[in-house]
Amino acid sequence: MRIYLIRHGQTDWNIQGKIQGSHDIPLNETGLRQAKLLAAGMESRPVKKIFSSTLKRAMATAEALADKQEAEIIPMPRLMEVEFGVWEGLTWKEIEENYPSEYRHWVMDPSHAAPPGGESEKEIFRRCKTAIREIITQTGGREDIAVVSHGATLACLVSVMLGPDEEDESIIVENASITTVHYSPLTEIFTVVEKNDISHLTS
């Protein structure tokens, strides 16, 4: 089974460096174009099911892929971006300036500390573990699928898949990128095959 982890296309807040989190920011013109290029780039990687975050920027990316492949979109709220609470809409610089103690605490102890009104790393990992378990259960672990989500959530999904012994800190997911993971239902082992593929955006 191959799992194609896809990040949504670009938004205006991506360009402005603002934390989006659970804010429902739509794709901008570049993001819509990236979604179409992504769909074209996935032609050699057919899928019948696309599990997607329910936020607009992810759903629009999933819809472009679904239209190209005639695949079913399965909305999954657990794939939504990490909630950053009152930090959403701010840049990292603004967060450091306006919430210095909270930011410092979060950087030092992300597993337990959380942005005011947001999620801790522990809560995010619990959500991602449940999402992966549901995806494997629904597919039987035997059909190639796509997962459309967000930067921080996708990085968390990869960390959960690989486990603490093989956690890959180098996973970077750019807008409209594809990270391919192989899953064996026999061994229940996940293996990263390709990271952050954006070749389709320039072809």
Protein backbone atom coordinates (compact mmCIF):
# COMPACT_ATOMS: atom_id res chain seq x y z
CA MET A 1 0.00 0.00 0.00
CA ARG A 2 1.28 3.45 -0.90
CA ILE A 3 0.10 6.50 0.99
CA TYR A 4 0.59 9.80 -0.81
CA LEU A 5 0.80 12.57 1.78
CA ILE A 6 -0.11 15.82 0.06
CA ARG A 7 0.03 19.35 1.42
CA HIS A 8 -2.55 21.85 0.19
CA GLY A 9 -1.65 24.54 -2.34
CA GLN A 10 -0.54 28.04 -1.49
CA THR A 11 -2.66 30.60 0.37
CA ASP A 12 -2.19 34.32 0.95
CA TRP A 13 -1.33 33.63 4.59
CA ASN A 14 1.45 31.28 3.45
CA ILE A 15 3.00 34.17 1.54
CA GLN A 16 2.56 36.56 4.47
CA GLY A 17 4.10 34.09 6.92
CA LYS A 18 0.98 34.01 9.09
CA ILE A 19 0.06 30.99 11.20
CA GLN A 20 -3.11 29.52 9.68
CA GLY A 21 -3.97 26.69 12.04
CA SER A 22 -7.70 26.07 12.12
CA HIS A 23 -8.52 29.31 10.28
CA ASP A 24 -10.32 28.41 7.05
CA ILE A 25 -8.10 30.27 4.59
CA PRO A 26 -8.79 29.43 0.91
CA LEU A 27 -6.23 28.79 -1.83
CA ASN A 28 -5.03 31.83 -3.73
CA GLU A 29 -4.58 31.86 -7.53
CA THR A 30 -1.16 30.26 -7.28
CA GLY A 31 -2.56 27.60 -4.94
CA LEU A 32 -5.36 26.74 -7.36
CA ARG A 33 -2.82 26.42 -10.18
CA GLN A 34 -0.60 24.24 -7.96
CA ALA A 35 -3.58 21.97 -7.22
CA LYS A 36 -4.12 21.40 -10.95
CA LEU A 37 -0.42 20.70 -11.51
CA LEU A 38 -0.46 18.31 -8.57
CA ALA A 39 -3.43 16.45 -10.03
CA ALA A 40 -1.62 16.14 -13.37
CA GLY A 41 1.53 14.96 -11.60
CA MET A 42 -0.42 12.24 -9.81
CA GLU A 43 -1.68 10.64 -13.04
CA SER A 44 0.91 7.87 -12.82
CA ARG A 45 -0.07 7.26 -9.19
CA PRO A 46 -3.76 6.32 -9.30
CA VAL A 47 -5.88 6.35 -6.16
CA LYS A 48 -9.56 5.60 -5.54
CA LYS A 49 -9.83 7.26 -2.14
CA ILE A 50 -8.62 10.67 -0.95
CA PHE A 51 -8.74 11.33 2.78
CA SER A 52 -8.81 15.09 3.31
CA SER A 53 -8.82 17.72 5.99
CA THR A 54 -12.13 19.55 5.98
CA LEU A 55 -10.55 23.02 5.71
CA LYS A 56 -11.14 24.81 2.38
CA ARG A 57 -7.51 24.91 1.30
CA ALA A 58 -7.17 21.15 1.67
CA MET A 59 -10.56 20.29 0.20
CA ALA A 60 -9.92 22.42 -2.90
CA THR A 61 -6.62 20.60 -3.42
CA ALA A 62 -8.32 17.23 -2.91
CA GLU A 63 -11.11 18.16 -5.33
CA ALA A 64 -8.62 18.95 -8.11
CA LEU A 65 -7.08 15.50 -7.64
CA ALA A 66 -10.46 13.77 -7.35
CA ASP A 67 -11.70 15.37 -10.58
CA LYS A 68 -8.63 14.12 -12.43
CA GLN A 69 -8.76 10.59 -11.06
CA GLU A 70 -12.51 10.18 -10.43
CA ALA A 71 -11.65 9.33 -6.86
CA GLU A 72 -13.81 9.52 -3.74
CA ILE A 73 -13.05 12.26 -1.21
CA ILE A 74 -13.44 11.18 2.40
CA PRO A 75 -13.55 14.26 4.68
CA MET A 76 -11.62 13.68 7.91
CA PRO A 77 -11.60 16.46 10.54
CA ARG A 78 -8.69 14.77 12.33
CA LEU A 79 -6.49 15.76 9.38
CA MET A 80 -7.07 19.48 10.01
CA GLU A 81 -4.08 21.67 10.76
CA VAL A 82 -2.73 21.99 14.28
CA GLU A 83 -4.75 24.51 16.30
CA PHE A 84 -2.58 27.43 17.38
CA GLY A 85 -5.28 29.29 19.31
CA VAL A 86 -4.74 33.04 19.68
CA TRP A 87 -1.49 32.79 17.70
CA GLU A 88 -3.38 32.16 14.47
CA GLY A 89 -3.18 35.09 12.08
CA LEU A 90 0.16 36.20 13.53
CA THR A 91 3.71 35.72 12.26
CA TRP A 92 6.32 33.93 14.39
CA LYS A 93 7.98 37.30 15.05
CA GLU A 94 4.69 38.77 16.30
CA ILE A 95 4.15 35.73 18.52
CA GLU A 96 7.61 36.08 20.10
CA GLU A 97 6.99 39.78 20.70
CA ASN A 98 3.43 39.54 22.03
CA TYR A 99 3.56 36.19 23.86
CA PRO A 100 7.20 35.88 24.98
CA SER A 101 6.68 33.66 28.05
CA GLU A 102 4.08 31.41 26.41
CA TYR A 103 6.23 31.07 23.30
CA ARG A 104 9.33 30.24 25.34
CA HIS A 105 7.41 27.62 27.35
CA TRP A 106 6.02 26.08 24.15
CA VAL A 107 9.47 25.87 22.52
CA MET A 108 11.00 24.30 25.64
CA ASP A 109 8.21 21.79 26.32
CA PRO A 110 5.97 21.34 23.23
CA SER A 111 4.67 17.96 24.41
CA HIS A 112 2.81 19.53 27.31
CA ALA A 113 2.71 23.28 26.61
CA ALA A 114 0.30 24.66 24.06
CA PRO A 115 -0.39 28.05 22.49
CA PRO A 116 -3.18 29.82 24.42
CA GLY A 117 -6.36 28.14 23.21
CA GLY A 118 -4.40 25.73 21.01
CA GLU A 119 -3.16 22.13 20.97
CA SER A 120 -0.12 20.62 22.62
CA GLU A 121 2.17 18.24 20.73
CA LYS A 122 0.80 15.39 22.84
CA GLU A 123 -2.76 16.18 21.73
CA ILE A 124 -1.71 16.48 18.08
CA PHE A 125 0.06 13.11 18.13
CA ARG A 126 -3.00 11.47 19.68
CA ARG A 127 -5.17 12.91 16.89
CA CYS A 128 -2.75 11.78 14.17
CA LYS A 129 -2.49 8.24 15.59
CA THR A 130 -6.28 7.94 15.51
CA ALA A 131 -6.42 9.27 11.93
CA ILE A 132 -3.84 6.73 10.71
CA ARG A 133 -5.62 3.88 12.47
CA GLU A 134 -8.95 4.87 10.87
CA ILE A 135 -7.38 5.15 7.39
CA ILE A 136 -5.77 1.70 7.64
CA THR A 137 -9.02 0.21 8.95
CA GLN A 138 -11.10 1.73 6.13
CA THR A 139 -8.71 0.59 3.40
CA GLY A 140 -7.60 -2.71 4.88
CA GLY A 141 -4.07 -1.47 4.32
CA ARG A 142 -4.14 -2.85 0.77
CA GLU A 143 -5.02 0.01 -1.60
CA ASP A 144 -3.07 3.09 -2.61
CA ILE A 145 -4.62 6.27 -1.24
CA ALA A 146 -3.96 10.00 -0.94
CA VAL A 147 -4.07 12.06 2.24
CA VAL A 148 -4.47 15.82 1.81
CA SER A 149 -3.57 17.83 4.88
CA HIS A 150 -1.34 20.59 6.27
CA GLY A 151 2.32 21.19 7.03
CA ALA A 152 2.46 20.55 10.77
CA THR A 153 -0.13 17.77 10.66
CA LEU A 154 1.66 15.94 7.83
CA ALA A 155 4.96 16.15 9.72
CA CYS A 156 3.16 14.67 12.73
CA LEU A 157 1.65 11.87 10.63
CA VAL A 158 5.09 10.89 9.34
CA SER A 159 6.52 10.93 12.87
CA VAL A 160 3.70 8.69 14.10
CA MET A 161 4.14 6.30 11.15
CA LEU A 162 7.88 5.93 11.64
CA GLY A 163 7.74 5.71 15.42
CA PRO A 164 10.12 7.19 18.03
CA ASP A 165 13.07 5.00 17.02
CA GLU A 166 13.07 6.14 13.41
CA GLU A 167 11.48 9.57 13.62
CA ASP A 168 12.71 11.68 10.71
CA GLU A 169 13.31 15.30 11.68
CA SER A 170 14.18 16.17 8.06
CA ILE A 171 10.61 15.82 6.76
CA ILE A 172 9.65 19.10 5.09
CA VAL A 173 6.38 19.49 3.23
CA GLU A 174 6.04 22.42 0.87
CA ASN A 175 2.78 23.58 -0.68
CA ALA A 176 1.33 21.00 -3.11
CA SER A 177 4.16 18.57 -2.34
CA ILE A 178 3.88 14.77 -2.29
CA THR A 179 5.57 12.58 0.31
CA THR A 180 5.19 8.88 -0.47
CA VAL A 181 5.01 6.30 2.31
CA HIS A 182 4.83 2.52 1.84
CA TYR A 183 2.81 0.48 4.33
CA SER A 184 3.01 -3.30 4.67
CA PRO A 185 -0.13 -4.87 6.18
CA LEU A 186 1.91 -8.00 6.95
CA THR A 187 4.57 -6.30 9.05
CA GLU A 188 2.58 -3.13 9.87
CA ILE A 189 5.70 -1.13 9.04
CA PHE A 190 5.69 2.27 7.34
CA THR A 191 8.62 3.30 5.13
CA VAL A 192 9.17 6.74 3.59
CA VAL A 193 9.86 6.21 -0.12
CA GLU A 194 10.05 9.83 -1.31
CA LYS A 195 9.99 13.15 0.52
CA ASN A 196 8.54 16.49 -0.51
CA ASP A 197 8.28 15.85 -4.25
CA ILE A 198 7.44 19.12 -6.03
CA SER A 199 8.76 18.19 -9.48
CA HIS A 200 5.22 18.36 -10.89
CA LEU A 201 5.08 22.10 -10.09
CA THR A 202 7.88 22.91 -12.52
CA SER A 203 7.26 20.36 -15.27
